[in-house]
Each structure stands twice: as structure tokens, then as C-alpha cells.
N, C-alpha and C. Protein backbone atom coordinates (compact mmCIF):
# COMPACT_ATOMS: atom_id res chain seq x y z
N UNK A 1 -92.49 -5.74 -45.91
CA UNK A 1 -92.16 -4.70 -46.86
C UNK A 1 -93.30 -3.70 -47.00
N UNK A 2 -94.28 -3.74 -46.10
CA UNK A 2 -95.44 -2.86 -46.23
C UNK A 2 -95.00 -1.38 -46.25
N UNK A 3 -94.04 -1.04 -45.43
CA UNK A 3 -93.58 0.35 -45.38
C UNK A 3 -92.94 0.76 -46.70
N UNK A 4 -92.15 -0.11 -47.27
CA UNK A 4 -91.55 0.17 -48.57
C UNK A 4 -92.59 0.36 -49.65
N UNK A 5 -93.66 -0.44 -49.58
CA UNK A 5 -94.75 -0.29 -50.56
C UNK A 5 -95.38 1.10 -50.44
N UNK A 6 -95.65 1.54 -49.20
CA UNK A 6 -96.25 2.86 -49.01
C UNK A 6 -95.31 3.97 -49.45
N UNK A 7 -94.02 3.80 -49.19
CA UNK A 7 -93.04 4.79 -49.63
C UNK A 7 -93.02 4.93 -51.14
N UNK A 8 -93.11 3.81 -51.83
CA UNK A 8 -93.15 3.83 -53.29
C UNK A 8 -94.40 4.57 -53.78
N UNK A 9 -95.54 4.31 -53.14
CA UNK A 9 -96.78 4.99 -53.54
C UNK A 9 -96.65 6.50 -53.37
N UNK A 10 -96.04 6.94 -52.27
CA UNK A 10 -95.84 8.37 -52.04
C UNK A 10 -94.92 8.96 -53.11
N UNK A 11 -93.88 8.22 -53.48
CA UNK A 11 -92.96 8.69 -54.52
C UNK A 11 -93.68 8.81 -55.86
N UNK A 12 -94.51 7.83 -56.19
CA UNK A 12 -95.26 7.87 -57.46
C UNK A 12 -96.21 9.06 -57.46
N UNK A 13 -96.85 9.33 -56.34
CA UNK A 13 -97.79 10.46 -56.25
C UNK A 13 -97.07 11.77 -56.56
N UNK A 14 -95.79 11.85 -56.21
CA UNK A 14 -95.06 13.09 -56.44
C UNK A 14 -94.98 13.46 -57.92
N UNK A 15 -95.09 12.46 -58.81
CA UNK A 15 -95.01 12.76 -60.24
C UNK A 15 -96.32 12.49 -60.98
N UNK A 16 -97.30 11.95 -60.30
CA UNK A 16 -98.58 11.60 -60.94
C UNK A 16 -99.72 12.26 -60.17
N UNK A 17 -99.84 13.56 -60.32
CA UNK A 17 -100.82 14.32 -59.53
C UNK A 17 -102.25 13.93 -59.83
N UNK A 18 -102.51 13.38 -61.03
CA UNK A 18 -103.89 13.08 -61.41
C UNK A 18 -104.44 11.84 -60.71
N UNK A 19 -103.57 11.02 -60.12
CA UNK A 19 -104.03 9.79 -59.45
C UNK A 19 -104.17 10.08 -57.96
N UNK A 20 -105.33 9.77 -57.38
CA UNK A 20 -105.52 10.04 -55.94
C UNK A 20 -104.51 9.25 -55.09
N UNK A 21 -104.02 9.89 -54.03
CA UNK A 21 -103.06 9.24 -53.15
C UNK A 21 -103.65 7.96 -52.54
N UNK A 22 -104.93 8.01 -52.16
CA UNK A 22 -105.53 6.81 -51.54
C UNK A 22 -105.50 5.64 -52.52
N UNK A 23 -105.70 5.93 -53.81
CA UNK A 23 -105.70 4.86 -54.81
C UNK A 23 -104.31 4.26 -54.97
N UNK A 24 -103.29 5.10 -54.92
CA UNK A 24 -101.91 4.60 -55.01
C UNK A 24 -101.54 3.78 -53.78
N UNK A 25 -101.96 4.26 -52.60
CA UNK A 25 -101.67 3.52 -51.36
C UNK A 25 -102.36 2.15 -51.38
N UNK A 26 -103.59 2.12 -51.86
CA UNK A 26 -104.31 0.84 -51.95
C UNK A 26 -103.69 -0.04 -53.03
N UNK A 27 -103.34 0.55 -54.16
CA UNK A 27 -102.75 -0.23 -55.26
C UNK A 27 -101.45 -0.90 -54.84
N UNK A 28 -100.66 -0.21 -54.04
CA UNK A 28 -99.36 -0.75 -53.68
C UNK A 28 -99.46 -1.96 -52.75
N UNK A 29 -100.59 -2.13 -52.08
CA UNK A 29 -100.79 -3.31 -51.21
C UNK A 29 -101.90 -4.21 -51.73
N UNK A 30 -102.35 -3.98 -52.95
CA UNK A 30 -103.49 -4.70 -53.52
C UNK A 30 -103.29 -6.21 -53.54
N UNK A 31 -102.08 -6.68 -53.80
CA UNK A 31 -101.83 -8.12 -53.79
C UNK A 31 -102.05 -8.68 -52.38
N UNK A 32 -101.64 -7.93 -51.36
CA UNK A 32 -101.86 -8.37 -49.98
C UNK A 32 -103.33 -8.30 -49.59
N UNK A 33 -104.05 -7.34 -50.14
CA UNK A 33 -105.50 -7.25 -49.87
C UNK A 33 -106.17 -8.53 -50.36
N UNK A 34 -105.78 -9.02 -51.51
CA UNK A 34 -106.34 -10.27 -52.04
C UNK A 34 -105.80 -11.49 -51.30
N UNK A 35 -104.59 -11.38 -50.77
CA UNK A 35 -103.97 -12.48 -50.03
C UNK A 35 -104.76 -12.82 -48.76
N UNK A 36 -105.24 -11.81 -48.04
CA UNK A 36 -105.92 -12.03 -46.75
C UNK A 36 -107.13 -12.95 -46.87
N UNK A 37 -108.09 -12.69 -47.76
CA UNK A 37 -109.22 -13.63 -47.83
C UNK A 37 -108.80 -15.03 -48.28
N UNK A 38 -107.77 -15.11 -49.11
CA UNK A 38 -107.30 -16.43 -49.53
C UNK A 38 -106.64 -17.18 -48.38
N UNK A 39 -106.01 -16.46 -47.46
CA UNK A 39 -105.48 -17.10 -46.24
C UNK A 39 -106.64 -17.59 -45.39
N UNK A 40 -107.66 -16.75 -45.23
CA UNK A 40 -108.82 -17.14 -44.42
C UNK A 40 -109.53 -18.35 -45.01
N UNK A 41 -109.51 -18.47 -46.33
CA UNK A 41 -110.11 -19.62 -47.00
C UNK A 41 -109.15 -20.81 -47.11
N UNK A 42 -107.94 -20.64 -46.56
CA UNK A 42 -106.90 -21.68 -46.56
C UNK A 42 -106.43 -22.06 -47.97
N UNK A 43 -106.57 -21.13 -48.90
CA UNK A 43 -106.03 -21.31 -50.25
C UNK A 43 -104.55 -20.93 -50.26
N UNK A 44 -104.22 -19.87 -49.52
CA UNK A 44 -102.84 -19.44 -49.34
C UNK A 44 -102.56 -19.46 -47.84
N UNK A 45 -101.26 -19.45 -47.47
CA UNK A 45 -100.95 -19.53 -46.04
C UNK A 45 -99.54 -18.99 -45.76
N UNK A 46 -99.27 -18.82 -44.47
CA UNK A 46 -97.93 -18.43 -44.01
C UNK A 46 -97.50 -19.46 -42.97
N UNK A 47 -96.26 -19.92 -43.10
CA UNK A 47 -95.69 -20.86 -42.13
C UNK A 47 -94.47 -20.21 -41.50
N UNK A 48 -94.33 -20.31 -40.17
CA UNK A 48 -93.12 -19.75 -39.54
C UNK A 48 -91.87 -20.49 -40.01
N UNK A 49 -90.79 -19.75 -40.12
CA UNK A 49 -89.51 -20.34 -40.47
C UNK A 49 -89.00 -21.07 -39.23
N UNK A 50 -88.65 -22.34 -39.36
CA UNK A 50 -88.16 -23.09 -38.19
C UNK A 50 -86.97 -22.38 -37.53
N UNK A 51 -86.99 -22.33 -36.21
CA UNK A 51 -85.90 -21.72 -35.46
C UNK A 51 -85.98 -20.22 -35.33
N UNK A 52 -87.13 -19.62 -35.70
CA UNK A 52 -87.28 -18.17 -35.58
C UNK A 52 -88.39 -17.87 -34.58
N UNK A 53 -88.50 -16.59 -34.23
CA UNK A 53 -89.53 -16.17 -33.28
C UNK A 53 -90.79 -15.65 -33.97
N UNK A 54 -90.88 -15.79 -35.27
CA UNK A 54 -92.06 -15.33 -35.99
C UNK A 54 -92.11 -13.83 -36.19
N UNK A 55 -90.97 -13.14 -36.05
CA UNK A 55 -90.92 -11.69 -36.20
C UNK A 55 -90.82 -11.25 -37.64
N UNK A 56 -90.22 -10.12 -37.83
CA UNK A 56 -90.09 -9.44 -39.11
C UNK A 56 -89.51 -10.35 -40.18
N UNK A 57 -90.33 -10.73 -41.13
CA UNK A 57 -89.90 -11.56 -42.24
C UNK A 57 -89.65 -13.02 -41.90
N UNK A 58 -90.06 -13.44 -40.71
CA UNK A 58 -89.81 -14.82 -40.27
C UNK A 58 -90.95 -15.75 -40.66
N UNK A 59 -91.31 -15.76 -41.92
CA UNK A 59 -92.37 -16.65 -42.40
C UNK A 59 -92.06 -17.07 -43.83
N UNK A 60 -92.46 -18.28 -44.12
CA UNK A 60 -92.47 -18.72 -45.51
C UNK A 60 -93.90 -18.48 -45.98
N UNK A 61 -94.04 -17.67 -46.99
CA UNK A 61 -95.36 -17.24 -47.43
C UNK A 61 -95.76 -18.04 -48.66
N UNK A 62 -96.84 -18.77 -48.52
CA UNK A 62 -97.36 -19.57 -49.63
C UNK A 62 -98.51 -18.79 -50.28
N UNK A 63 -98.16 -17.74 -50.98
CA UNK A 63 -99.12 -16.92 -51.70
C UNK A 63 -99.04 -17.32 -53.17
N UNK A 64 -99.43 -18.55 -53.42
CA UNK A 64 -99.20 -19.15 -54.74
C UNK A 64 -100.07 -18.59 -55.85
N UNK A 65 -101.04 -17.80 -55.51
CA UNK A 65 -101.89 -17.18 -56.54
C UNK A 65 -101.62 -15.68 -56.59
N UNK A 66 -101.79 -14.99 -55.46
CA UNK A 66 -101.66 -13.53 -55.46
C UNK A 66 -100.23 -13.06 -55.70
N UNK A 67 -99.25 -13.84 -55.27
CA UNK A 67 -97.87 -13.41 -55.38
C UNK A 67 -97.06 -14.24 -56.37
N UNK A 68 -97.74 -15.00 -57.22
CA UNK A 68 -97.01 -15.64 -58.32
C UNK A 68 -96.74 -14.54 -59.36
N UNK A 69 -95.71 -14.71 -60.14
CA UNK A 69 -95.37 -13.70 -61.15
C UNK A 69 -96.53 -13.46 -62.10
N UNK A 70 -97.08 -14.53 -62.64
CA UNK A 70 -98.18 -14.39 -63.60
C UNK A 70 -99.45 -13.90 -62.90
N UNK A 71 -99.71 -14.40 -61.70
CA UNK A 71 -100.88 -13.94 -60.94
C UNK A 71 -100.81 -12.45 -60.67
N UNK A 72 -99.63 -11.97 -60.26
CA UNK A 72 -99.45 -10.54 -59.99
C UNK A 72 -99.63 -9.71 -61.26
N UNK A 73 -99.13 -10.21 -62.39
CA UNK A 73 -99.31 -9.50 -63.66
C UNK A 73 -100.79 -9.42 -64.03
N UNK A 74 -101.52 -10.50 -63.82
CA UNK A 74 -102.96 -10.52 -64.14
C UNK A 74 -103.71 -9.55 -63.23
N UNK A 75 -103.45 -9.62 -61.93
CA UNK A 75 -104.12 -8.71 -60.99
C UNK A 75 -103.79 -7.26 -61.33
N UNK A 76 -102.53 -6.98 -61.65
CA UNK A 76 -102.12 -5.62 -62.00
C UNK A 76 -102.82 -5.15 -63.27
N UNK A 77 -102.89 -6.01 -64.28
CA UNK A 77 -103.53 -5.63 -65.55
C UNK A 77 -105.02 -5.37 -65.37
N UNK A 78 -105.70 -6.24 -64.66
CA UNK A 78 -107.15 -6.06 -64.44
C UNK A 78 -107.40 -4.80 -63.62
N UNK A 79 -106.61 -4.60 -62.58
CA UNK A 79 -106.77 -3.40 -61.75
C UNK A 79 -106.48 -2.14 -62.55
N UNK A 80 -105.45 -2.18 -63.37
CA UNK A 80 -105.12 -1.03 -64.21
C UNK A 80 -106.23 -0.71 -65.20
N UNK A 81 -106.82 -1.75 -65.79
CA UNK A 81 -107.94 -1.54 -66.73
C UNK A 81 -109.15 -0.93 -66.02
N UNK A 82 -109.45 -1.42 -64.82
CA UNK A 82 -110.57 -0.85 -64.07
C UNK A 82 -110.28 0.59 -63.67
N UNK A 83 -109.06 0.87 -63.23
CA UNK A 83 -108.69 2.24 -62.86
C UNK A 83 -108.76 3.18 -64.06
N UNK A 84 -108.43 2.68 -65.23
CA UNK A 84 -108.49 3.50 -66.45
C UNK A 84 -109.91 3.97 -66.73
N UNK A 85 -110.88 3.17 -66.36
CA UNK A 85 -112.29 3.57 -66.57
C UNK A 85 -112.66 4.77 -65.71
N UNK A 86 -112.05 4.88 -64.52
CA UNK A 86 -112.35 6.01 -63.62
C UNK A 86 -111.47 7.22 -63.89
N UNK A 87 -110.19 7.01 -64.11
CA UNK A 87 -109.25 8.13 -64.13
C UNK A 87 -108.52 8.29 -65.46
N UNK A 88 -108.84 7.52 -66.46
CA UNK A 88 -108.18 7.64 -67.75
C UNK A 88 -107.06 6.62 -67.94
N UNK A 89 -106.62 6.49 -69.19
CA UNK A 89 -105.64 5.46 -69.55
C UNK A 89 -104.30 5.63 -68.84
N UNK A 90 -103.81 6.85 -68.79
CA UNK A 90 -102.51 7.08 -68.14
C UNK A 90 -102.57 6.69 -66.67
N UNK A 91 -103.62 7.12 -65.99
CA UNK A 91 -103.75 6.79 -64.57
C UNK A 91 -103.94 5.29 -64.37
N UNK A 92 -104.67 4.65 -65.28
CA UNK A 92 -104.84 3.20 -65.20
C UNK A 92 -103.51 2.48 -65.33
N UNK A 93 -102.67 2.97 -66.25
CA UNK A 93 -101.34 2.37 -66.41
C UNK A 93 -100.50 2.57 -65.16
N UNK A 94 -100.61 3.74 -64.55
CA UNK A 94 -99.87 4.02 -63.31
C UNK A 94 -100.34 3.08 -62.20
N UNK A 95 -101.65 2.96 -62.04
CA UNK A 95 -102.20 2.07 -61.00
C UNK A 95 -101.75 0.63 -61.25
N UNK A 96 -101.84 0.16 -62.47
CA UNK A 96 -101.40 -1.20 -62.79
C UNK A 96 -99.93 -1.40 -62.47
N UNK A 97 -99.10 -0.42 -62.81
CA UNK A 97 -97.67 -0.51 -62.52
C UNK A 97 -97.40 -0.52 -61.02
N UNK A 98 -98.14 0.28 -60.27
CA UNK A 98 -97.96 0.31 -58.82
C UNK A 98 -98.39 -1.02 -58.20
N UNK A 99 -99.49 -1.59 -58.69
CA UNK A 99 -99.90 -2.91 -58.20
C UNK A 99 -98.77 -3.91 -58.44
N UNK A 100 -98.20 -3.92 -59.63
CA UNK A 100 -97.13 -4.88 -59.93
C UNK A 100 -95.85 -4.57 -59.17
N UNK A 101 -95.63 -3.31 -58.83
CA UNK A 101 -94.42 -2.96 -58.06
C UNK A 101 -94.37 -3.71 -56.74
N UNK A 102 -95.53 -4.06 -56.21
CA UNK A 102 -95.59 -4.84 -54.97
C UNK A 102 -94.82 -6.15 -55.14
N UNK A 103 -95.04 -6.82 -56.26
CA UNK A 103 -94.37 -8.09 -56.51
C UNK A 103 -92.86 -7.89 -56.62
N UNK A 104 -92.45 -6.82 -57.30
CA UNK A 104 -91.02 -6.55 -57.49
C UNK A 104 -90.34 -6.31 -56.14
N UNK A 105 -90.95 -5.47 -55.28
CA UNK A 105 -90.36 -5.23 -53.97
C UNK A 105 -90.36 -6.50 -53.12
N UNK A 106 -91.45 -7.27 -53.19
CA UNK A 106 -91.49 -8.53 -52.43
C UNK A 106 -90.43 -9.51 -52.91
N UNK A 107 -90.12 -9.50 -54.19
CA UNK A 107 -89.07 -10.37 -54.72
C UNK A 107 -87.75 -10.13 -53.99
N UNK A 108 -87.49 -8.89 -53.64
CA UNK A 108 -86.25 -8.56 -52.94
C UNK A 108 -86.20 -9.16 -51.54
N UNK A 109 -87.31 -9.12 -50.82
CA UNK A 109 -87.29 -9.51 -49.40
C UNK A 109 -87.69 -10.94 -49.13
N UNK A 110 -88.58 -11.49 -49.93
CA UNK A 110 -89.07 -12.85 -49.68
C UNK A 110 -87.96 -13.88 -49.82
N UNK A 111 -88.11 -14.93 -49.05
CA UNK A 111 -87.30 -16.12 -49.30
C UNK A 111 -87.78 -16.70 -50.63
N UNK A 112 -87.19 -17.76 -51.08
CA UNK A 112 -87.62 -18.36 -52.36
C UNK A 112 -88.97 -19.04 -52.18
N UNK A 113 -90.02 -18.21 -52.08
CA UNK A 113 -91.37 -18.74 -51.87
C UNK A 113 -92.39 -18.16 -52.86
N UNK A 114 -91.90 -17.44 -53.88
CA UNK A 114 -92.79 -16.81 -54.85
C UNK A 114 -92.75 -17.59 -56.17
N UNK A 115 -93.88 -18.24 -56.52
CA UNK A 115 -93.89 -19.05 -57.74
C UNK A 115 -94.01 -18.21 -59.01
N UNK A 116 -93.68 -18.82 -60.12
CA UNK A 116 -93.82 -18.16 -61.42
C UNK A 116 -95.28 -18.20 -61.85
N UNK A 117 -95.89 -19.36 -61.80
CA UNK A 117 -97.27 -19.56 -62.27
C UNK A 117 -98.23 -19.69 -61.10
N UNK A 118 -99.48 -19.24 -61.26
CA UNK A 118 -100.46 -19.37 -60.19
C UNK A 118 -100.60 -20.83 -59.74
N UNK A 119 -100.70 -21.00 -58.43
CA UNK A 119 -100.84 -22.34 -57.87
C UNK A 119 -99.56 -23.15 -57.98
N UNK A 120 -98.47 -22.49 -58.33
CA UNK A 120 -97.19 -23.14 -58.60
C UNK A 120 -97.33 -24.23 -59.65
N UNK A 121 -98.17 -23.95 -60.63
CA UNK A 121 -98.38 -24.87 -61.75
C UNK A 121 -97.03 -25.22 -62.39
N UNK A 122 -96.80 -26.47 -62.63
CA UNK A 122 -95.55 -26.91 -63.23
C UNK A 122 -94.42 -27.09 -62.24
N UNK A 123 -94.69 -26.71 -60.98
CA UNK A 123 -93.70 -26.87 -59.91
C UNK A 123 -92.33 -26.29 -60.31
N UNK A 124 -92.35 -25.10 -60.92
CA UNK A 124 -91.12 -24.42 -61.33
C UNK A 124 -90.39 -23.90 -60.09
N UNK A 125 -89.11 -23.60 -60.21
CA UNK A 125 -88.38 -23.04 -59.06
C UNK A 125 -89.05 -21.75 -58.58
N UNK A 126 -89.10 -21.59 -57.28
CA UNK A 126 -89.69 -20.38 -56.69
C UNK A 126 -88.63 -19.29 -56.60
N UNK A 127 -89.10 -18.06 -56.52
CA UNK A 127 -88.19 -16.91 -56.54
C UNK A 127 -88.24 -16.14 -55.23
N UNK A 128 -87.20 -15.39 -54.97
CA UNK A 128 -87.09 -14.53 -53.80
C UNK A 128 -85.63 -14.41 -53.41
N UNK A 129 -85.17 -13.18 -53.20
CA UNK A 129 -83.77 -12.95 -52.88
C UNK A 129 -83.46 -13.07 -51.39
N UNK A 130 -84.50 -13.10 -50.54
CA UNK A 130 -84.31 -13.39 -49.12
C UNK A 130 -83.72 -12.29 -48.27
N UNK A 131 -83.92 -11.03 -48.65
CA UNK A 131 -83.38 -9.93 -47.86
C UNK A 131 -83.91 -9.94 -46.43
N UNK A 132 -85.08 -10.52 -46.20
CA UNK A 132 -85.63 -10.59 -44.84
C UNK A 132 -84.73 -11.38 -43.90
N UNK A 133 -83.82 -12.15 -44.42
CA UNK A 133 -82.88 -12.87 -43.56
C UNK A 133 -81.91 -11.92 -42.87
N UNK A 134 -81.91 -10.67 -43.30
CA UNK A 134 -81.09 -9.62 -42.71
C UNK A 134 -82.03 -8.49 -42.26
N UNK A 135 -82.71 -8.68 -41.12
CA UNK A 135 -83.78 -7.76 -40.73
C UNK A 135 -83.34 -6.31 -40.58
N UNK A 136 -82.17 -6.06 -40.03
CA UNK A 136 -81.73 -4.68 -39.86
C UNK A 136 -81.53 -4.01 -41.21
N UNK A 137 -80.87 -4.68 -42.13
CA UNK A 137 -80.67 -4.14 -43.47
C UNK A 137 -82.01 -3.90 -44.16
N UNK A 138 -82.91 -4.86 -44.04
CA UNK A 138 -84.23 -4.71 -44.66
C UNK A 138 -84.97 -3.52 -44.09
N UNK A 139 -84.94 -3.36 -42.76
CA UNK A 139 -85.62 -2.24 -42.11
C UNK A 139 -85.03 -0.91 -42.56
N UNK A 140 -83.71 -0.85 -42.70
CA UNK A 140 -83.06 0.39 -43.16
C UNK A 140 -83.48 0.71 -44.59
N UNK A 141 -83.51 -0.31 -45.45
CA UNK A 141 -83.93 -0.09 -46.84
C UNK A 141 -85.38 0.36 -46.89
N UNK A 142 -86.26 -0.31 -46.14
CA UNK A 142 -87.67 0.09 -46.13
C UNK A 142 -87.84 1.51 -45.61
N UNK A 143 -87.15 1.81 -44.51
CA UNK A 143 -87.22 3.16 -43.96
C UNK A 143 -86.71 4.19 -44.96
N UNK A 144 -85.66 3.84 -45.68
CA UNK A 144 -85.13 4.74 -46.71
C UNK A 144 -86.12 4.98 -47.83
N UNK A 145 -86.77 3.91 -48.29
CA UNK A 145 -87.79 4.06 -49.34
C UNK A 145 -88.91 4.96 -48.85
N UNK A 146 -89.33 4.75 -47.60
CA UNK A 146 -90.41 5.56 -47.04
C UNK A 146 -89.99 7.02 -46.92
N UNK A 147 -88.78 7.26 -46.43
CA UNK A 147 -88.29 8.63 -46.27
C UNK A 147 -88.19 9.33 -47.62
N UNK A 148 -87.61 8.68 -48.60
CA UNK A 148 -87.49 9.27 -49.94
C UNK A 148 -88.88 9.54 -50.52
N UNK A 149 -89.78 8.59 -50.41
CA UNK A 149 -91.14 8.77 -50.91
C UNK A 149 -91.85 9.94 -50.25
N UNK A 150 -91.70 10.05 -48.93
CA UNK A 150 -92.34 11.14 -48.19
C UNK A 150 -91.77 12.49 -48.61
N UNK A 151 -90.46 12.58 -48.74
CA UNK A 151 -89.82 13.84 -49.14
C UNK A 151 -90.24 14.22 -50.56
N UNK A 152 -90.23 13.26 -51.48
CA UNK A 152 -90.66 13.54 -52.86
C UNK A 152 -92.11 14.01 -52.89
N UNK A 153 -92.97 13.35 -52.11
CA UNK A 153 -94.38 13.75 -52.05
C UNK A 153 -94.49 15.17 -51.51
N UNK A 154 -93.80 15.46 -50.41
CA UNK A 154 -93.86 16.78 -49.79
C UNK A 154 -93.39 17.86 -50.76
N UNK A 155 -92.26 17.62 -51.44
CA UNK A 155 -91.74 18.61 -52.38
C UNK A 155 -92.71 18.86 -53.53
N UNK A 156 -93.29 17.79 -54.07
CA UNK A 156 -94.23 17.94 -55.18
C UNK A 156 -95.51 18.63 -54.72
N UNK A 157 -96.00 18.26 -53.53
CA UNK A 157 -97.22 18.87 -53.02
C UNK A 157 -97.01 20.34 -52.71
N UNK A 158 -95.83 20.71 -52.23
CA UNK A 158 -95.53 22.11 -51.92
C UNK A 158 -95.53 22.97 -53.18
N UNK A 159 -95.17 22.38 -54.33
CA UNK A 159 -95.12 23.13 -55.59
C UNK A 159 -96.51 23.38 -56.18
N UNK A 160 -97.53 22.69 -55.67
CA UNK A 160 -98.87 22.87 -56.23
C UNK A 160 -99.51 24.17 -55.77
N UNK A 161 -98.92 24.82 -54.77
CA UNK A 161 -99.46 26.08 -54.30
C UNK A 161 -100.56 25.91 -53.28
N UNK A 162 -100.76 24.70 -52.79
CA UNK A 162 -101.76 24.47 -51.75
C UNK A 162 -101.32 25.07 -50.43
N UNK A 163 -102.24 25.14 -49.48
CA UNK A 163 -101.88 25.68 -48.16
C UNK A 163 -100.71 24.90 -47.54
N UNK A 164 -99.71 25.64 -47.06
CA UNK A 164 -98.49 25.01 -46.53
C UNK A 164 -98.81 24.06 -45.37
N UNK A 165 -99.75 24.43 -44.53
CA UNK A 165 -100.12 23.57 -43.40
C UNK A 165 -100.70 22.25 -43.85
N UNK A 166 -101.53 22.31 -44.88
CA UNK A 166 -102.15 21.08 -45.40
C UNK A 166 -101.10 20.17 -46.03
N UNK A 167 -100.18 20.77 -46.77
CA UNK A 167 -99.10 20.01 -47.41
C UNK A 167 -98.25 19.34 -46.34
N UNK A 168 -97.86 20.10 -45.32
CA UNK A 168 -97.04 19.55 -44.24
C UNK A 168 -97.78 18.46 -43.49
N UNK A 169 -99.07 18.66 -43.25
CA UNK A 169 -99.87 17.66 -42.53
C UNK A 169 -99.95 16.36 -43.32
N UNK A 170 -100.24 16.46 -44.62
CA UNK A 170 -100.37 15.23 -45.41
C UNK A 170 -99.03 14.50 -45.51
N UNK A 171 -97.93 15.23 -45.73
CA UNK A 171 -96.61 14.59 -45.78
C UNK A 171 -96.25 14.01 -44.42
N UNK A 172 -96.57 14.75 -43.37
CA UNK A 172 -96.31 14.25 -42.02
C UNK A 172 -97.07 12.98 -41.71
N UNK A 173 -98.33 12.93 -42.13
CA UNK A 173 -99.12 11.72 -41.91
C UNK A 173 -98.54 10.52 -42.66
N UNK A 174 -98.08 10.76 -43.88
CA UNK A 174 -97.45 9.67 -44.64
C UNK A 174 -96.22 9.17 -43.88
N UNK A 175 -95.42 10.10 -43.38
CA UNK A 175 -94.22 9.71 -42.62
C UNK A 175 -94.55 8.97 -41.34
N UNK A 176 -95.58 9.43 -40.62
CA UNK A 176 -95.98 8.77 -39.36
C UNK A 176 -96.52 7.37 -39.63
N UNK A 177 -97.36 7.25 -40.65
CA UNK A 177 -97.89 5.92 -40.99
C UNK A 177 -96.74 4.99 -41.39
N UNK A 178 -95.80 5.50 -42.16
CA UNK A 178 -94.65 4.69 -42.55
C UNK A 178 -93.83 4.25 -41.35
N UNK A 179 -93.57 5.18 -40.43
CA UNK A 179 -92.80 4.83 -39.23
C UNK A 179 -93.55 3.81 -38.38
N UNK A 180 -94.87 4.00 -38.27
CA UNK A 180 -95.68 3.07 -37.46
C UNK A 180 -95.70 1.67 -38.07
N UNK A 181 -95.89 1.59 -39.39
CA UNK A 181 -95.94 0.25 -40.01
C UNK A 181 -94.58 -0.44 -39.92
N UNK A 182 -93.51 0.32 -40.09
CA UNK A 182 -92.18 -0.29 -39.98
C UNK A 182 -91.92 -0.77 -38.55
N UNK A 183 -92.29 0.05 -37.58
CA UNK A 183 -92.11 -0.34 -36.18
C UNK A 183 -92.90 -1.60 -35.85
N UNK A 184 -94.16 -1.63 -36.27
CA UNK A 184 -94.99 -2.81 -36.00
C UNK A 184 -94.44 -4.05 -36.71
N UNK A 185 -93.97 -3.87 -37.94
CA UNK A 185 -93.37 -4.99 -38.67
C UNK A 185 -92.16 -5.56 -37.93
N UNK A 186 -91.27 -4.66 -37.53
CA UNK A 186 -90.04 -5.09 -36.87
C UNK A 186 -90.35 -5.75 -35.52
N UNK A 187 -91.40 -5.25 -34.85
CA UNK A 187 -91.79 -5.84 -33.56
C UNK A 187 -92.52 -7.17 -33.72
N UNK A 188 -92.87 -7.51 -34.95
CA UNK A 188 -93.51 -8.80 -35.20
C UNK A 188 -95.01 -8.80 -35.15
N UNK A 189 -95.63 -7.63 -35.27
CA UNK A 189 -97.10 -7.56 -35.27
C UNK A 189 -97.66 -7.69 -36.66
């Protein structure tokens, strides 16, 4: 869902000019940024789904801290508070919301592998609607989110009165990065 996350960040930028685009792009994948070192430390992990080729969405993700509901809320709140120190309260709230949006989008695509509490404390039922089981549909939805986000960003940036070439270049780069990440995801990289 990386492409969908980036599309959402571009859409948010279209209405939140005071927040830097790079900060929104980073915020939207912030849970995954924390996930990587925890995978390297073997605290969290990914296991291939039996009978699959390990491609797009073909993993059970044990992100029991970064992608638990409460863990994501804590990471979003702390990140939002830190962002508020740099860019003000409104921007901090936007950054916090974008960080948490990652969990919401992941809920749609993940299999039931997202715990409620960090470390799956209490062994509560895990969440996830499993849209990744339908890769074509998921790719279309992600591509749609990216396209809508890119268009909203381009329209908002064009209204700022900046140089048309710069606006087109930045929107084009967002679109190219989105297409590249979606292609790599679908190819299983």
C-alpha cells in the first residue's frame, strides 16, 4: 500500500500548504520506517503466505508494535507533538493524522495480522480486511488514490501562482514515484 500512502500525502498537501511535502511523504510511511529496524532486530517480521510466490501482498506481517492500533496511535501522537514544535499546532495535528492514516489504509489491505495492543498483549483478535488477496483490485485502488492525490496536489499548487513548469515538474515527479512504487510492489520487489 506504499503507493496509496504517498497518494494520500499528496492529497493532504493540496489543502495544507503550511506543511512541507517531504514531511507529509515521510509521515505517511513513518510506521514502516520504524518497522524496518524492528525487523532487522527480529522484534517484528514478515512471513510468506503458504502457497504464494511472495509477490504483492503475499506476506503475513507481524508488526506487533508499529502496526498495532494502540502502537500506531502512540507513534502518531508523539510524531504530531514533535512536528507541532517545528511547524505549529495545526501542522502537528496534520502530521499526526497522516501518520495514523497509514494504519487505516493498511487495515484495508492487510490480512488479519494487525493487533490491537502492542506486542499483541492480551492475544486479542487481529484485524485486517485482506484486500491484498485481490491484487488487481488492490493495485487499481492504490493507483486511483495516487492519481487523485497527484491531481489534487497539481491543482492546488497551480493556484499558488508559482512557475507553471515547477508546478508541473513537482506533480509529475509525484506521479512518477507513485507509478514506480506501484510497479515495484506488484512485481514483488
